[in-house]
C-alpha atoms as a PDB file:
ATOM      1  CA  MET A   1      70.531  95.544 129.646  1.00  0.00           C
ATOM      2  CA  SER A   2      71.637  95.387 126.014  1.00  0.00           C
ATOM      3  CA  ASN A   3      70.525  97.762 123.309  1.00  0.00           C
ATOM      4  CA  ASN A   4      68.586  95.820 120.667  1.00  0.00           C
ATOM      5  CA  ARG A   5      68.047  98.776 118.378  1.00  0.00           C
ATOM      6  CA  PRO A   6      69.066  98.206 114.777  1.00  0.00           C
ATOM      7  CA  GLN A   7      72.335  99.830 113.812  1.00  0.00           C
ATOM      8  CA  ARG A   8      73.613 100.822 110.423  1.00  0.00           C
ATOM      9  CA  LEU A   9      76.203  98.413 109.064  1.00  0.00           C
ATOM     10  CA  GLY A  10      78.625 101.258 108.350  1.00  0.00           C
ATOM     11  CA  ASP A  11      78.480 102.333 112.004  1.00  0.00           C
ATOM     12  CA  VAL A  12      79.062  98.780 113.214  1.00  0.00           C
ATOM     13  CA  LEU A  13      82.023  98.306 110.872  1.00  0.00           C
ATOM     14  CA  ALA A  14      83.540 101.663 111.859  1.00  0.00           C
ATOM     15  CA  GLY A  15      83.334 100.609 115.501  1.00  0.00           C
ATOM     16  CA  VAL A  16      84.991  97.267 114.802  1.00  0.00           C
ATOM     17  CA  ILE A  17      87.753  98.943 112.775  1.00  0.00           C
ATOM     18  CA  ASP A  18      88.423 101.374 115.614  1.00  0.00           C
ATOM     19  CA  GLU A  19      88.352  98.624 118.261  1.00  0.00           C
ATOM     20  CA  MET A  20      90.855  96.540 116.301  1.00  0.00           C
ATOM     21  CA  GLY A  21      93.152  99.519 115.763  1.00  0.00           C
ATOM     22  CA  LEU A  22      92.910  99.320 111.980  1.00  0.00           C
ATOM     23  CA  ARG A  23      91.865 102.913 111.282  1.00  0.00           C
ATOM     24  CA  LYS A  24      95.427 104.160 110.719  1.00  0.00           C
ATOM     25  CA  LYS A  25      96.309 101.350 108.295  1.00  0.00           C
ATOM     26  CA  LEU A  26      93.094 101.835 106.342  1.00  0.00           C
ATOM     27  CA  ASP A  27      93.700 105.574 106.115  1.00  0.00           C
ATOM     28  CA  GLU A  28      97.252 104.931 104.865  1.00  0.00           C
ATOM     29  CA  ALA A  29      95.925 102.570 102.187  1.00  0.00           C
ATOM     30  CA  ARG A  30      93.344 105.184 101.172  1.00  0.00           C
ATOM     31  CA  VAL A  31      96.088 107.801 100.800  1.00  0.00           C
ATOM     32  CA  VAL A  32      98.119 105.573  98.457  1.00  0.00           C
ATOM     33  CA  GLU A  33      95.013 104.754  96.404  1.00  0.00           C
ATOM     34  CA  ALA A  34      94.104 108.440  96.237  1.00  0.00           C
ATOM     35  CA  TRP A  35      97.637 109.296  95.078  1.00  0.00           C
ATOM     36  CA  GLU A  36      97.329 106.798  92.236  1.00  0.00           C
ATOM     37  CA  ALA A  37      93.916 108.196  91.277  1.00  0.00           C
ATOM     38  CA  THR A  38      95.000 111.840  91.544  1.00  0.00           C
ATOM     39  CA  ALA A  39      98.445 111.590  89.970  1.00  0.00           C
ATOM     40  CA  GLY A  40      97.281 110.777  86.468  1.00  0.00           C
ATOM     41  CA  PRO A  41      98.956 108.506  83.910  1.00  0.00           C
ATOM     42  CA  GLN A  42     102.124 110.563  83.295  1.00  0.00           C
ATOM     43  CA  VAL A  43     103.042 110.795  86.969  1.00  0.00           C
ATOM     44  CA  ARG A  44     102.001 107.185  87.644  1.00  0.00           C
ATOM     45  CA  ASP A  45     104.381 106.092  84.877  1.00  0.00           C
ATOM     46  CA  VAL A  46     107.368 107.648  86.687  1.00  0.00           C
ATOM     47  CA  THR A  47     106.248 106.594  90.177  1.00  0.00           C
ATOM     48  CA  GLU A  48     108.111 103.561  91.462  1.00  0.00           C
ATOM     49  CA  ARG A  49     106.115 103.251  94.689  1.00  0.00           C
ATOM     50  CA  ALA A  50     104.246 105.273  97.305  1.00  0.00           C
ATOM     51  CA  TRP A  51     103.840 104.724 101.033  1.00  0.00           C
ATOM     52  CA  VAL A  52     102.655 106.592 104.115  1.00  0.00           C
ATOM     53  CA  LYS A  53     104.398 107.019 107.437  1.00  0.00           C
ATOM     54  CA  GLY A  54     103.457 109.451 110.179  1.00  0.00           C
ATOM     55  CA  GLY A  55     101.126 111.612 108.094  1.00  0.00           C
ATOM     56  CA  ARG A  56     103.680 111.922 105.297  1.00  0.00           C
ATOM     57  CA  LEU A  57     103.208 110.481 101.844  1.00  0.00           C
ATOM     58  CA  TYR A  58     106.505 109.298 100.399  1.00  0.00           C
ATOM     59  CA  VAL A  59     106.631 108.880  96.624  1.00  0.00           C
ATOM     60  CA  LYS A  60     109.626 107.252  94.944  1.00  0.00           C
ATOM     61  CA  ILE A  61     110.085 108.848  91.518  1.00  0.00           C
ATOM     62  CA  ARG A  62     112.252 107.212  88.818  1.00  0.00           C
ATOM     63  CA  SER A  63     113.242 110.452  87.085  1.00  0.00           C
ATOM     64  CA  ALA A  64     115.236 113.288  88.685  1.00  0.00           C
ATOM     65  CA  ALA A  65     113.594 115.814  86.362  1.00  0.00           C
ATOM     66  CA  TRP A  66     110.091 114.653  87.314  1.00  0.00           C
ATOM     67  CA  ARG A  67     111.068 114.547  91.009  1.00  0.00           C
ATOM     68  CA  GLN A  68     112.178 118.184  90.848  1.00  0.00           C
ATOM     69  CA  GLU A  69     109.008 119.248  89.029  1.00  0.00           C
ATOM     70  CA  LEU A  70     106.776 117.457  91.527  1.00  0.00           C
ATOM     71  CA  GLN A  71     108.757 118.812  94.466  1.00  0.00           C
ATOM     72  CA  MET A  72     108.142 122.379  93.315  1.00  0.00           C
ATOM     73  CA  GLN A  73     104.387 121.690  93.188  1.00  0.00           C
ATOM     74  CA  ARG A  74     104.060 119.555  96.323  1.00  0.00           C
ATOM     75  CA  GLY A  75     101.727 122.034  98.073  1.00  0.00           C
ATOM     76  CA  ARG A  76      99.293 121.827  95.186  1.00  0.00           C
ATOM     77  CA  TRP A  77      99.570 118.020  95.138  1.00  0.00           C
ATOM     78  CA  LYS A  78      98.896 117.855  98.877  1.00  0.00           C
ATOM     79  CA  GLU A  79      95.793 120.011  98.504  1.00  0.00           C
ATOM     80  CA  ARG A  80      94.462 117.932  95.591  1.00  0.00           C
ATOM     81  CA  LEU A  81      95.126 114.713  97.462  1.00  0.00           C
ATOM     82  CA  ASN A  82      93.405 115.815 100.674  1.00  0.00           C
ATOM     83  CA  ASN A  83      90.446 117.078  98.612  1.00  0.00           C
ATOM     84  CA  GLU A  84      90.225 113.659  96.946  1.00  0.00           C
ATOM     85  CA  LEU A  85      90.275 112.009 100.396  1.00  0.00           C
ATOM     86  CA  GLY A  86      87.644 114.347 101.815  1.00  0.00           C
ATOM     87  CA  ARG A  87      89.772 115.219 104.834  1.00  0.00           C
ATOM     88  CA  ALA A  88      93.347 116.173 105.674  1.00  0.00           C
ATOM     89  CA  LEU A  89      95.121 112.832 106.004  1.00  0.00           C
ATOM     90  CA  VAL A  90      98.376 114.035 104.404  1.00  0.00           C
ATOM     91  CA  ASP A  91     100.508 116.590 106.247  1.00  0.00           C
ATOM     92  CA  GLU A  92     103.372 116.539 103.771  1.00  0.00           C
ATOM     93  CA  ILE A  93     104.452 114.886 100.529  1.00  0.00           C
ATOM     94  CA  VAL A  94     108.076 113.822 100.144  1.00  0.00           C
ATOM     95  CA  PHE A  95     109.299 112.984  96.659  1.00  0.00           C
ATOM     96  CA  ARG A  96     112.376 110.769  96.579  1.00  0.00           C
END
């Protein structure tokens, strides 16, 4: 017998996303969006692109000086980013 109880739309959508195997891709997109929101205008200006693979956020930086500065602070950036996301989706940040 089927369950005819009303369900919250968010719960239904979460189930569909999980069934279709889209959770990982959505999380990766959220990480990139959160990087752009967290980085601020100065860092965004030197960021060529950002992508996620295997729990790592890769950020291509145009300037060697900025890349070195960001690399030295990557632990702080990771913490800020995961706080912005509300959970630990980023294991490591790699600046290239």
